PDB file of N, CA and C in Angstrom:
ATOM      1  N   ASP A   1      89.814 -16.335 -25.378  1.00  0.00           N
ATOM      2  CA  ASP A   1      89.469 -15.866 -24.046  1.00  0.00           C
ATOM      3  C   ASP A   1      89.254 -17.077 -23.144  1.00  0.00           C
ATOM      4  N   ALA A   2      89.756 -16.983 -21.935  1.00  0.00           N
ATOM      5  CA  ALA A   2      89.690 -18.124 -21.029  1.00  0.00           C
ATOM      6  C   ALA A   2      89.257 -17.698 -19.633  1.00  0.00           C
ATOM      7  N   GLN A   3      88.548 -18.599 -19.001  1.00  0.00           N
ATOM      8  CA  GLN A   3      88.149 -18.408 -17.607  1.00  0.00           C
ATOM      9  C   GLN A   3      88.207 -19.778 -16.928  1.00  0.00           C
ATOM     10  N   GLY A   4      89.092 -19.895 -15.963  1.00  0.00           N
ATOM     11  CA  GLY A   4      89.243 -21.155 -15.263  1.00  0.00           C
ATOM     12  C   GLY A   4      89.692 -22.298 -16.158  1.00  0.00           C
ATOM     13  N   GLY A   5      90.470 -21.984 -17.177  1.00  0.00           N
ATOM     14  CA  GLY A   5      90.980 -23.005 -18.084  1.00  0.00           C
ATOM     15  C   GLY A   5      90.038 -23.393 -19.206  1.00  0.00           C
ATOM     16  N   LYS A   6      88.822 -22.866 -19.171  1.00  0.00           N
ATOM     17  CA  LYS A   6      87.826 -23.146 -20.207  1.00  0.00           C
ATOM     18  C   LYS A   6      87.710 -21.940 -21.132  1.00  0.00           C
ATOM     19  N   VAL A   7      87.223 -22.187 -22.342  1.00  0.00           N
ATOM     20  CA  VAL A   7      87.025 -21.113 -23.309  1.00  0.00           C
ATOM     21  C   VAL A   7      85.828 -20.274 -22.877  1.00  0.00           C
ATOM     22  N   ALA A   8      86.033 -18.967 -22.759  1.00  0.00           N
ATOM     23  CA  ALA A   8      84.967 -18.036 -22.383  1.00  0.00           C
ATOM     24  C   ALA A   8      84.235 -17.586 -23.648  1.00  0.00           C
ATOM     25  N   VAL A   9      82.906 -17.607 -23.574  1.00  0.00           N
ATOM     26  CA  VAL A   9      82.074 -17.258 -24.728  1.00  0.00           C
ATOM     27  C   VAL A   9      80.962 -16.302 -24.303  1.00  0.00           C
ATOM     28  N   GLU A  10      80.199 -15.870 -25.293  1.00  0.00           N
ATOM     29  CA  GLU A  10      79.048 -14.993 -25.033  1.00  0.00           C
ATOM     30  C   GLU A  10      79.448 -13.756 -24.241  1.00  0.00           C
ATOM     31  N   GLY A  11      80.503 -13.081 -24.706  1.00  0.00           N
ATOM     32  CA  GLY A  11      80.954 -11.865 -24.021  1.00  0.00           C
ATOM     33  C   GLY A  11      81.455 -12.134 -22.623  1.00  0.00           C
ATOM     34  N   TRP A  12      82.075 -13.303 -22.439  1.00  0.00           N
ATOM     35  CA  TRP A  12      82.653 -13.744 -21.174  1.00  0.00           C
ATOM     36  C   TRP A  12      81.598 -14.113 -20.136  1.00  0.00           C
ATOM     37  N   ALA A  13      80.339 -14.166 -20.536  1.00  0.00           N
ATOM     38  CA  ALA A  13      79.274 -14.483 -19.588  1.00  0.00           C
ATOM     39  C   ALA A  13      79.180 -15.975 -19.309  1.00  0.00           C
ATOM     40  N   GLU A  14      79.709 -16.798 -20.215  1.00  0.00           N
ATOM     41  CA  GLU A  14      79.632 -18.242 -20.066  1.00  0.00           C
ATOM     42  C   GLU A  14      80.962 -18.872 -20.442  1.00  0.00           C
ATOM     43  N   THR A  15      81.151 -20.110 -20.011  1.00  0.00           N
ATOM     44  CA  THR A  15      82.306 -20.873 -20.465  1.00  0.00           C
ATOM     45  C   THR A  15      81.808 -22.099 -21.214  1.00  0.00           C
ATOM     46  N   ALA A  16      82.567 -22.466 -22.226  1.00  0.00           N
ATOM     47  CA  ALA A  16      82.241 -23.653 -23.013  1.00  0.00           C
ATOM     48  C   ALA A  16      82.764 -24.894 -22.300  1.00  0.00           C
ATOM     49  N   ASP A  17      82.366 -26.043 -22.777  1.00  0.00           N
ATOM     50  CA  ASP A  17      82.857 -27.292 -22.200  1.00  0.00           C
ATOM     51  C   ASP A  17      84.270 -27.622 -22.660  1.00  0.00           C
ATOM     52  N   VAL A  18      84.748 -26.927 -23.665  1.00  0.00           N
ATOM     53  CA  VAL A  18      86.070 -27.182 -24.227  1.00  0.00           C
ATOM     54  C   VAL A  18      87.133 -26.378 -23.466  1.00  0.00           C
ATOM     55  N   THR A  19      88.282 -27.020 -23.246  1.00  0.00           N
ATOM     56  CA  THR A  19      89.369 -26.297 -22.576  1.00  0.00           C
ATOM     57  C   THR A  19      90.118 -25.436 -23.579  1.00  0.00           C
ATOM     58  N   VAL A  20      90.864 -24.490 -23.057  1.00  0.00           N
ATOM     59  CA  VAL A  20      91.679 -23.627 -23.905  1.00  0.00           C
ATOM     60  C   VAL A  20      92.657 -24.461 -24.721  1.00  0.00           C
ATOM     61  N   LEU A  21      93.288 -25.428 -24.089  1.00  0.00           N
ATOM     62  CA  LEU A  21      94.268 -26.255 -24.781  1.00  0.00           C
ATOM     63  C   LEU A  21      93.617 -27.086 -25.887  1.00  0.00           C
ATOM     64  N   GLU A  22      92.452 -27.641 -25.638  1.00  0.00           N
ATOM     65  CA  GLU A  22      91.756 -28.422 -26.673  1.00  0.00           C
ATOM     66  C   GLU A  22      91.463 -27.564 -27.898  1.00  0.00           C
ATOM     67  N   LEU A  23      90.970 -26.360 -27.677  1.00  0.00           N
ATOM     68  CA  LEU A  23      90.663 -25.470 -28.797  1.00  0.00           C
ATOM     69  C   LEU A  23      91.935 -25.023 -29.500  1.00  0.00           C
ATOM     70  N   ALA A  24      92.963 -24.696 -28.744  1.00  0.00           N
ATOM     71  CA  ALA A  24      94.226 -24.259 -29.339  1.00  0.00           C
ATOM     72  C   ALA A  24      94.812 -25.346 -30.231  1.00  0.00           C
ATOM     73  N   ARG A  25      94.737 -26.581 -29.794  1.00  0.00           N
ATOM     74  CA  ARG A  25      95.268 -27.693 -30.604  1.00  0.00           C
ATOM     75  C   ARG A  25      94.497 -27.852 -31.917  1.00  0.00           C
ATOM     76  N   LYS A  26      93.209 -27.530 -31.912  1.00  0.00           N
ATOM     77  CA  LYS A  26      92.428 -27.588 -33.146  1.00  0.00           C
ATOM     78  C   LYS A  26      92.910 -26.544 -34.155  1.00  0.00           C
ATOM     79  N   PHE A  27      93.441 -25.441 -33.655  1.00  0.00           N
ATOM     80  CA  PHE A  27      93.924 -24.379 -34.538  1.00  0.00           C
ATOM     81  C   PHE A  27      95.324 -24.661 -35.094  1.00  0.00           C
ATOM     82  N   GLU A  28      96.052 -25.574 -34.496  1.00  0.00           N
ATOM     83  CA  GLU A  28      97.426 -25.837 -34.933  1.00  0.00           C
ATOM     84  C   GLU A  28      97.515 -26.233 -36.404  1.00  0.00           C
ATOM     85  N   ASP A  29      96.586 -27.030 -36.881  1.00  0.00           N
ATOM     86  CA  ASP A  29      96.616 -27.483 -38.267  1.00  0.00           C
ATOM     87  C   ASP A  29      95.772 -26.618 -39.200  1.00  0.00           C
ATOM     88  N   ALA A  30      95.242 -25.526 -38.687  1.00  0.00           N
ATOM     89  CA  ALA A  30      94.346 -24.685 -39.487  1.00  0.00           C
ATOM     90  C   ALA A  30      95.047 -23.479 -40.112  1.00  0.00           C
ATOM     91  N   GLY A  31      96.356 -23.367 -39.932  1.00  0.00           N
ATOM     92  CA  GLY A  31      97.087 -22.253 -40.526  1.00  0.00           C
ATOM     93  C   GLY A  31      97.030 -20.962 -39.732  1.00  0.00           C
ATOM     94  N   VAL A  32      96.654 -21.038 -38.469  1.00  0.00           N
ATOM     95  CA  VAL A  32      96.583 -19.852 -37.620  1.00  0.00           C
ATOM     96  C   VAL A  32      97.996 -19.367 -37.307  1.00  0.00           C
ATOM     97  N   ALA A  33      98.239 -18.070 -37.472  1.00  0.00           N
ATOM     98  CA  ALA A  33      99.578 -17.504 -37.274  1.00  0.00           C
ATOM     99  C   ALA A  33      99.931 -17.350 -35.799  1.00  0.00           C
ATOM    100  N   ALA A  34      98.964 -17.042 -34.972  1.00  0.00           N
ATOM    101  CA  ALA A  34      99.201 -16.848 -33.533  1.00  0.00           C
ATOM    102  C   ALA A  34      97.862 -16.877 -32.809  1.00  0.00           C
ATOM    103  N   LEU A  35      97.928 -17.136 -31.495  1.00  0.00           N
ATOM    104  CA  LEU A  35      96.734 -17.105 -30.651  1.00  0.00           C
ATOM    105  C   LEU A  35      96.893 -16.027 -29.590  1.00  0.00           C
ATOM    106  N   ILE A  36      95.859 -15.240 -29.404  1.00  0.00           N
ATOM    107  CA  ILE A  36      95.836 -14.287 -28.299  1.00  0.00           C
ATOM    108  C   ILE A  36      95.154 -14.986 -27.134  1.00  0.00           C
ATOM    109  N   TYR A  37      95.886 -15.113 -26.027  1.00  0.00           N
ATOM    110  CA  TYR A  37      95.348 -15.766 -24.837  1.00  0.00           C
ATOM    111  C   TYR A  37      95.022 -14.690 -23.806  1.00  0.00           C
ATOM    112  N   THR A  38      93.736 -14.516 -23.531  1.00  0.00           N
ATOM    113  CA  THR A  38      93.280 -13.530 -22.547  1.00  0.00           C
ATOM    114  C   THR A  38      92.636 -14.260 -21.380  1.00  0.00           C
ATOM    115  N   ASP A  39      93.196 -14.082 -20.193  1.00  0.00           N
ATOM    116  CA  ASP A  39      92.570 -14.600 -18.983  1.00  0.00           C
ATOM    117  C   ASP A  39      91.564 -13.541 -18.544  1.00  0.00           C
ATOM    118  N   VAL A  40      90.278 -13.829 -18.703  1.00  0.00           N
ATOM    119  CA  VAL A  40      89.252 -12.815 -18.462  1.00  0.00           C
ATOM    120  C   VAL A  40      89.141 -12.413 -16.998  1.00  0.00           C
ATOM    121  N   ASP A  41      89.606 -13.269 -16.107  1.00  0.00           N
ATOM    122  CA  ASP A  41      89.591 -12.899 -14.690  1.00  0.00           C
ATOM    123  C   ASP A  41      90.645 -11.840 -14.377  1.00  0.00           C
ATOM    124  N   ARG A  42      91.629 -11.695 -15.240  1.00  0.00           N
ATOM    125  CA  ARG A  42      92.706 -10.736 -15.025  1.00  0.00           C
ATOM    126  C   ARG A  42      92.569  -9.487 -15.889  1.00  0.00           C
ATOM    127  N   ASP A  43      91.795  -9.574 -16.958  1.00  0.00           N
ATOM    128  CA  ASP A  43      91.712  -8.493 -17.925  1.00  0.00           C
ATOM    129  C   ASP A  43      91.128  -7.226 -17.313  1.00  0.00           C
ATOM    130  N   GLY A  44      91.876  -6.136 -17.418  1.00  0.00           N
ATOM    131  CA  GLY A  44      91.408  -4.835 -16.960  1.00  0.00           C
ATOM    132  C   GLY A  44      91.496  -4.580 -15.475  1.00  0.00           C
ATOM    133  N   VAL A  45      91.977  -5.548 -14.686  1.00  0.00           N
ATOM    134  CA  VAL A  45      92.011  -5.353 -13.238  1.00  0.00           C
ATOM    135  C   VAL A  45      93.416  -5.107 -12.700  1.00  0.00           C
ATOM    136  N   LEU A  46      94.413  -5.089 -13.586  1.00  0.00           N
ATOM    137  CA  LEU A  46      95.795  -4.760 -13.218  1.00  0.00           C
ATOM    138  C   LEU A  46      96.346  -5.662 -12.113  1.00  0.00           C
ATOM    139  N   ALA A  47      95.966  -6.940 -12.149  1.00  0.00           N
ATOM    140  CA  ALA A  47      96.394  -7.889 -11.113  1.00  0.00           C
ATOM    141  C   ALA A  47      97.580  -8.735 -11.551  1.00  0.00           C
ATOM    142  N   GLY A  48      98.135  -8.442 -12.696  1.00  0.00           N
ATOM    143  CA  GLY A  48      99.217  -9.250 -13.236  1.00  0.00           C
ATOM    144  C   GLY A  48      98.665 -10.353 -14.109  1.00  0.00           C
ATOM    145  N   PRO A  49      99.440 -10.782 -15.090  1.00  0.00           N
ATOM    146  CA  PRO A  49      98.961 -11.832 -15.995  1.00  0.00           C
ATOM    147  C   PRO A  49      98.938 -13.195 -15.320  1.00  0.00           C
ATOM    148  N   ASN A  50      98.200 -14.101 -15.897  1.00  0.00           N
ATOM    149  CA  ASN A  50      98.181 -15.482 -15.424  1.00  0.00           C
ATOM    150  C   ASN A  50      99.384 -16.169 -16.060  1.00  0.00           C
ATOM    151  N   LEU A  51     100.520 -15.990 -15.431  1.00  0.00           N
ATOM    152  CA  LEU A  51     101.792 -16.467 -15.970  1.00  0.00           C
ATOM    153  C   LEU A  51     101.813 -17.980 -16.137  1.00  0.00           C
ATOM    154  N   GLU A  52     101.316 -18.702 -15.167  1.00  0.00           N
ATOM    155  CA  GLU A  52     101.337 -20.169 -15.227  1.00  0.00           C
ATOM    156  C   GLU A  52     100.524 -20.699 -16.403  1.00  0.00           C
ATOM    157  N   ALA A  53      99.309 -20.221 -16.556  1.00  0.00           N
ATOM    158  CA  ALA A  53      98.451 -20.704 -17.639  1.00  0.00           C
ATOM    159  C   ALA A  53      98.980 -20.273 -19.000  1.00  0.00           C
ATOM    160  N   THR A  54      99.489 -19.064 -19.083  1.00  0.00           N
ATOM    161  CA  THR A  54     100.039 -18.568 -20.346  1.00  0.00           C
ATOM    162  C   THR A  54     101.252 -19.393 -20.754  1.00  0.00           C
ATOM    163  N   ALA A  55     102.156 -19.644 -19.818  1.00  0.00           N
ATOM    164  CA  ALA A  55     103.355 -20.437 -20.105  1.00  0.00           C
ATOM    165  C   ALA A  55     102.989 -21.873 -20.467  1.00  0.00           C
ATOM    166  N   ALA A  56     102.010 -22.438 -19.776  1.00  0.00           N
ATOM    167  CA  ALA A  56     101.589 -23.816 -20.058  1.00  0.00           C
ATOM    168  C   ALA A  56     101.021 -23.923 -21.472  1.00  0.00           C
ATOM    169  N   LEU A  57     100.204 -22.953 -21.872  1.00  0.00           N
ATOM    170  CA  LEU A  57      99.641 -22.967 -23.213  1.00  0.00           C
ATOM    171  C   LEU A  57     100.744 -22.823 -24.255  1.00  0.00           C
ATOM    172  N   ALA A  58     101.628 -21.861 -24.050  1.00  0.00           N
ATOM    173  CA  ALA A  58     102.720 -21.627 -25.012  1.00  0.00           C
ATOM    174  C   ALA A  58     103.606 -22.857 -25.163  1.00  0.00           C
ATOM    175  N   ALA A  59     103.814 -23.591 -24.079  1.00  0.00           N
ATOM    176  CA  ALA A  59     104.655 -24.785 -24.125  1.00  0.00           C
ATOM    177  C   ALA A  59     103.958 -25.969 -24.788  1.00  0.00           C
ATOM    178  N   ALA A  60     102.640 -25.973 -24.766  1.00  0.00           N
ATOM    179  CA  ALA A  60     101.887 -27.132 -25.231  1.00  0.00           C
ATOM    180  C   ALA A  60     101.538 -27.104 -26.716  1.00  0.00           C
ATOM    181  N   ILE A  61     101.673 -25.940 -27.351  1.00  0.00           N
ATOM    182  CA  ILE A  61     101.283 -25.836 -28.761  1.00  0.00           C
ATOM    183  C   ILE A  61     102.422 -25.256 -29.590  1.00  0.00           C
ATOM    184  N   SER A  62     102.327 -25.447 -30.896  1.00  0.00           N
ATOM    185  CA  SER A  62     103.366 -24.950 -31.803  1.00  0.00           C
ATOM    186  C   SER A  62     103.077 -23.542 -32.310  1.00  0.00           C
ATOM    187  N   ILE A  63     101.862 -23.074 -32.119  1.00  0.00           N
ATOM    188  CA  ILE A  63     101.471 -21.735 -32.560  1.00  0.00           C
ATOM    189  C   ILE A  63     101.989 -20.710 -31.560  1.00  0.00           C
ATOM    190  N   PRO A  64     102.584 -19.606 -32.027  1.00  0.00           N
ATOM    191  CA  PRO A  64     102.987 -18.558 -31.086  1.00  0.00           C
ATOM    192  C   PRO A  64     101.786 -18.026 -30.303  1.00  0.00           C
ATOM    193  N   VAL A  65     102.029 -17.661 -29.050  1.00  0.00           N
ATOM    194  CA  VAL A  65     100.979 -17.149 -28.167  1.00  0.00           C
ATOM    195  C   VAL A  65     101.259 -15.682 -27.856  1.00  0.00           C
ATOM    196  N   ILE A  66     100.198 -14.889 -27.832  1.00  0.00           N
ATOM    197  CA  ILE A  66     100.260 -13.487 -27.427  1.00  0.00           C
ATOM    198  C   ILE A  66      99.487 -13.384 -26.116  1.00  0.00           C
ATOM    199  N   ALA A  67     100.156 -12.909 -25.073  1.00  0.00           N
ATOM    200  CA  ALA A  67      99.544 -12.822 -23.742  1.00  0.00           C
ATOM    201  C   ALA A  67      98.705 -11.562 -23.617  1.00  0.00           C
ATOM    202  N   SER A  68      97.582 -11.693 -22.930  1.00  0.00           N
ATOM    203  CA  SER A  68      96.695 -10.568 -22.700  1.00  0.00           C
ATOM    204  C   SER A  68      95.969 -10.769 -21.377  1.00  0.00           C
ATOM    205  N   GLY A  69      95.691  -9.663 -20.719  1.00  0.00           N
ATOM    206  CA  GLY A  69      94.932  -9.729 -19.475  1.00  0.00           C
ATOM    207  C   GLY A  69      95.790  -9.589 -18.248  1.00  0.00           C
ATOM    208  N   GLY A  70      95.657  -8.463 -17.565  1.00  0.00           N
ATOM    209  CA  GLY A  70      96.322  -8.261 -16.291  1.00  0.00           C
ATOM    210  C   GLY A  70      97.693  -7.617 -16.326  1.00  0.00           C
ATOM    211  N   VAL A  71      98.237  -7.391 -17.504  1.00  0.00           N
ATOM    212  CA  VAL A  71      99.585  -6.808 -17.599  1.00  0.00           C
ATOM    213  C   VAL A  71      99.539  -5.387 -17.049  1.00  0.00           C
ATOM    214  N   SER A  72     100.276  -5.166 -15.939  1.00  0.00           N
ATOM    215  CA  SER A  72     100.140  -3.878 -15.250  1.00  0.00           C
ATOM    216  C   SER A  72     101.450  -3.196 -14.896  1.00  0.00           C
ATOM    217  N   SER A  73     102.579  -3.827 -15.223  1.00  0.00           N
ATOM    218  CA  SER A  73     103.854  -3.223 -14.825  1.00  0.00           C
ATOM    219  C   SER A  73     104.980  -3.718 -15.713  1.00  0.00           C
ATOM    220  N   LEU A  74     106.115  -3.041 -15.604  1.00  0.00           N
ATOM    221  CA  LEU A  74     107.308  -3.490 -16.313  1.00  0.00           C
ATOM    222  C   LEU A  74     107.753  -4.853 -15.794  1.00  0.00           C
ATOM    223  N   ASP A  75     107.544  -5.110 -14.516  1.00  0.00           N
ATOM    224  CA  ASP A  75     107.877  -6.428 -13.968  1.00  0.00           C
ATOM    225  C   ASP A  75     107.045  -7.533 -14.625  1.00  0.00           C
ATOM    226  N   ASP A  76     105.775  -7.246 -14.911  1.00  0.00           N
ATOM    227  CA  ASP A  76     104.944  -8.217 -15.627  1.00  0.00           C
ATOM    228  C   ASP A  76     105.532  -8.489 -17.004  1.00  0.00           C
ATOM    229  N   LEU A  77     105.975  -7.435 -17.672  1.00  0.00           N
ATOM    230  CA  LEU A  77     106.564  -7.607 -19.000  1.00  0.00           C
ATOM    231  C   LEU A  77     107.857  -8.416 -18.924  1.00  0.00           C
ATOM    232  N   ARG A  78     108.664  -8.150 -17.916  1.00  0.00           N
ATOM    233  CA  ARG A  78     109.906  -8.919 -17.743  1.00  0.00           C
ATOM    234  C   ARG A  78     109.600 -10.406 -17.525  1.00  0.00           C
ATOM    235  N   ALA A  79     108.604 -10.678 -16.719  1.00  0.00           N
ATOM    236  CA  ALA A  79     108.235 -12.070 -16.458  1.00  0.00           C
ATOM    237  C   ALA A  79     107.736 -12.745 -17.734  1.00  0.00           C
ATOM    238  N   LEU A  80     106.913 -12.054 -18.488  1.00  0.00           N
ATOM    239  CA  LEU A  80     106.381 -12.618 -19.723  1.00  0.00           C
ATOM    240  C   LEU A  80     107.465 -12.786 -20.785  1.00  0.00           C
ATOM    241  N   ALA A  81     108.436 -11.900 -20.793  1.00  0.00           N
ATOM    242  CA  ALA A  81     109.517 -11.977 -21.782  1.00  0.00           C
ATOM    243  C   ALA A  81     110.309 -13.273 -21.663  1.00  0.00           C
ATOM    244  N   GLY A  82     110.284 -13.885 -20.497  1.00  0.00           N
ATOM    245  CA  GLY A  82     111.014 -15.125 -20.291  1.00  0.00           C
ATOM    246  C   GLY A  82     110.227 -16.384 -20.610  1.00  0.00           C
ATOM    247  N   VAL A  83     109.018 -16.247 -21.129  1.00  0.00           N
ATOM    248  CA  VAL A  83     108.176 -17.412 -21.425  1.00  0.00           C
ATOM    249  C   VAL A  83     108.458 -17.911 -22.844  1.00  0.00           C
ATOM    250  N   PRO A  84     109.000 -19.122 -22.977  1.00  0.00           N
ATOM    251  CA  PRO A  84     109.235 -19.671 -24.314  1.00  0.00           C
ATOM    252  C   PRO A  84     107.923 -19.837 -25.084  1.00  0.00           C
ATOM    253  N   GLY A  85     107.946 -19.490 -26.365  1.00  0.00           N
ATOM    254  CA  GLY A  85     106.757 -19.614 -27.202  1.00  0.00           C
ATOM    255  C   GLY A  85     105.847 -18.412 -27.172  1.00  0.00           C
ATOM    256  N   LEU A  86     106.149 -17.467 -26.298  1.00  0.00           N
ATOM    257  CA  LEU A  86     105.336 -16.250 -26.220  1.00  0.00           C
ATOM    258  C   LEU A  86     105.872 -15.257 -27.247  1.00  0.00           C
ATOM    259  N   GLU A  87     104.999 -14.807 -28.111  1.00  0.00           N
ATOM    260  CA  GLU A  87     105.398 -13.962 -29.231  1.00  0.00           C
ATOM    261  C   GLU A  87     105.093 -12.485 -29.008  1.00  0.00           C
ATOM    262  N   GLY A  88     104.211 -12.179 -28.075  1.00  0.00           N
ATOM    263  CA  GLY A  88     103.834 -10.792 -27.854  1.00  0.00           C
ATOM    264  C   GLY A  88     103.001 -10.633 -26.601  1.00  0.00           C
ATOM    265  N   VAL A  89     102.727  -9.372 -26.287  1.00  0.00           N
ATOM    266  CA  VAL A  89     101.968  -9.020 -25.090  1.00  0.00           C
ATOM    267  C   VAL A  89     101.025  -7.877 -25.433  1.00  0.00           C
ATOM    268  N   ILE A  90      99.821  -7.952 -24.929  1.00  0.00           N
ATOM    269  CA  ILE A  90      98.858  -6.864 -25.082  1.00  0.00           C
ATOM    270  C   ILE A  90      98.634  -6.237 -23.713  1.00  0.00           C
ATOM    271  N   SER A  91      98.762  -4.913 -23.667  1.00  0.00           N
ATOM    272  CA  SER A  91      98.448  -4.171 -22.446  1.00  0.00           C
ATOM    273  C   SER A  91      97.584  -2.994 -22.833  1.00  0.00           C
ATOM    274  N   GLY A  92      96.532  -2.786 -22.111  1.00  0.00           N
ATOM    275  CA  GLY A  92      95.635  -1.680 -22.412  1.00  0.00           C
ATOM    276  C   GLY A  92      95.596  -0.670 -21.291  1.00  0.00           C
ATOM    277  N   ARG A  93      94.885  -1.003 -20.259  1.00  0.00           N
ATOM    278  CA  ARG A  93      94.642  -0.066 -19.161  1.00  0.00           C
ATOM    279  C   ARG A  93      95.923   0.485 -18.547  1.00  0.00           C
ATOM    280  N   ALA A  94      96.938  -0.369 -18.359  1.00  0.00           N
ATOM    281  CA  ALA A  94      98.196   0.087 -17.750  1.00  0.00           C
ATOM    282  C   ALA A  94      98.894   1.138 -18.612  1.00  0.00           C
ATOM    283  N   LEU A  95      98.750   1.038 -19.916  1.00  0.00           N
ATOM    284  CA  LEU A  95      99.305   2.064 -20.808  1.00  0.00           C
ATOM    285  C   LEU A  95      98.476   3.345 -20.737  1.00  0.00           C
ATOM    286  N   TYR A  96      97.164   3.174 -20.735  1.00  0.00           N
ATOM    287  CA  TYR A  96      96.273   4.340 -20.717  1.00  0.00           C
ATOM    288  C   TYR A  96      96.409   5.164 -19.451  1.00  0.00           C
ATOM    289  N   ASP A  97      96.579   4.510 -18.314  1.00  0.00           N
ATOM    290  CA  ASP A  97      96.642   5.271 -17.063  1.00  0.00           C
ATOM    291  C   ASP A  97      98.067   5.584 -16.611  1.00  0.00           C
ATOM    292  N   GLY A  98      99.055   5.255 -17.444  1.00  0.00           N
ATOM    293  CA  GLY A  98     100.435   5.651 -17.164  1.00  0.00           C
ATOM    294  C   GLY A  98     101.219   4.723 -16.267  1.00  0.00           C
ATOM    295  N   ARG A  99     100.688   3.563 -15.928  1.00  0.00           N
ATOM    296  CA  ARG A  99     101.441   2.614 -15.098  1.00  0.00           C
ATOM    297  C   ARG A  99     102.626   2.040 -15.869  1.00  0.00           C
ATOM    298  N   ILE A 100     102.460   1.929 -17.184  1.00  0.00           N
ATOM    299  CA  ILE A 100     103.537   1.458 -18.049  1.00  0.00           C
ATOM    300  C   ILE A 100     103.833   2.550 -19.066  1.00  0.00           C
ATOM    301  N   ASP A 101     105.107   2.936 -19.134  1.00  0.00           N
ATOM    302  CA  ASP A 101     105.569   3.876 -20.146  1.00  0.00           C
ATOM    303  C   ASP A 101     105.916   3.065 -21.396  1.00  0.00           C
ATOM    304  N   LEU A 102     105.384   3.462 -22.538  1.00  0.00           N
ATOM    305  CA  LEU A 102     105.561   2.689 -23.758  1.00  0.00           C
ATOM    306  C   LEU A 102     107.033   2.535 -24.142  1.00  0.00           C
ATOM    307  N   ALA A 103     107.811   3.607 -24.056  1.00  0.00           N
ATOM    308  CA  ALA A 103     109.240   3.524 -24.410  1.00  0.00           C
ATOM    309  C   ALA A 103     109.978   2.559 -23.487  1.00  0.00           C
ATOM    310  N   GLN A 104     109.670   2.601 -22.208  1.00  0.00           N
ATOM    311  CA  GLN A 104     110.297   1.671 -21.270  1.00  0.00           C
ATOM    312  C   GLN A 104     109.852   0.235 -21.543  1.00  0.00           C
ATOM    313  N   ALA A 105     108.591   0.064 -21.890  1.00  0.00           N
ATOM    314  CA  ALA A 105     108.078  -1.279 -22.189  1.00  0.00           C
ATOM    315  C   ALA A 105     108.804  -1.872 -23.390  1.00  0.00           C
ATOM    316  N   VAL A 106     108.977  -1.084 -24.425  1.00  0.00           N
ATOM    317  CA  VAL A 106     109.682  -1.547 -25.620  1.00  0.00           C
ATOM    318  C   VAL A 106     111.122  -1.914 -25.255  1.00  0.00           C
ATOM    319  N   ALA A 107     111.764  -1.083 -24.450  1.00  0.00           N
ATOM    320  CA  ALA A 107     113.137  -1.371 -24.022  1.00  0.00           C
ATOM    321  C   ALA A 107     113.215  -2.664 -23.238  1.00  0.00           C
ATOM    322  N   VAL A 108     112.280  -2.885 -22.335  1.00  0.00           N
ATOM    323  CA  VAL A 108     112.259  -4.114 -21.548  1.00  0.00           C
ATOM    324  C   VAL A 108     112.104  -5.316 -22.469  1.00  0.00           C
ATOM    325  N   LEU A 109     111.195  -5.231 -23.392  1.00  0.00           N
ATOM    326  CA  LEU A 109     110.917  -6.366 -24.263  1.00  0.00           C
ATOM    327  C   LEU A 109     112.046  -6.603 -25.268  1.00  0.00           C
ATOM    328  N   LYS A 110     112.833  -5.599 -25.542  1.00  0.00           N
ATOM    329  CA  LYS A 110     114.009  -5.775 -26.400  1.00  0.00           C
ATOM    330  C   LYS A 110     115.227  -6.192 -25.588  1.00  0.00           C
ATOM    331  N   GLY A 111     115.075  -6.254 -24.268  1.00  0.00           N
ATOM    332  CA  GLY A 111     116.167  -6.686 -23.400  1.00  0.00           C
ATOM    333  C   GLY A 111     117.116  -5.579 -22.984  1.00  0.00           C
ATOM    334  N   ALA A 112     116.729  -4.327 -23.205  1.00  0.00           N
ATOM    335  CA  ALA A 112     117.616  -3.208 -22.887  1.00  0.00           C
ATOM    336  C   ALA A 112     117.434  -2.678 -21.468  1.00  0.00           C
ATOM    337  N   ALA A 113     116.375  -3.104 -20.788  1.00  0.00           N
ATOM    338  CA  ALA A 113     116.143  -2.560 -19.447  1.00  0.00           C
ATOM    339  C   ALA A 113     115.757  -3.650 -18.477  1.00  0.00           C
TER     340      ALA A 113
END
């Protein structure tokens, strides 16, 4: 979880002194299969993902990244699909309230739509 480039802790109430990239690099040699990157300022508000920060993290580390936070449309999924090193996407609220149709989302991510 990240807020302003720093690791968010204590239920997102505080940020640590360590940056997201510093912590992610520590996990590279620890056998971690993937990292879920959640921008807490975007999570649940349907404002679109933090594409720049997500892409920067994915480019800077060897561990696959899963994007989370702010995904609210098929256009968001299309944008994320083009990020090298991104292995997956988490969407919650947009699926629950019908902004994203699951079948269409799968098609977009498979490159069919």
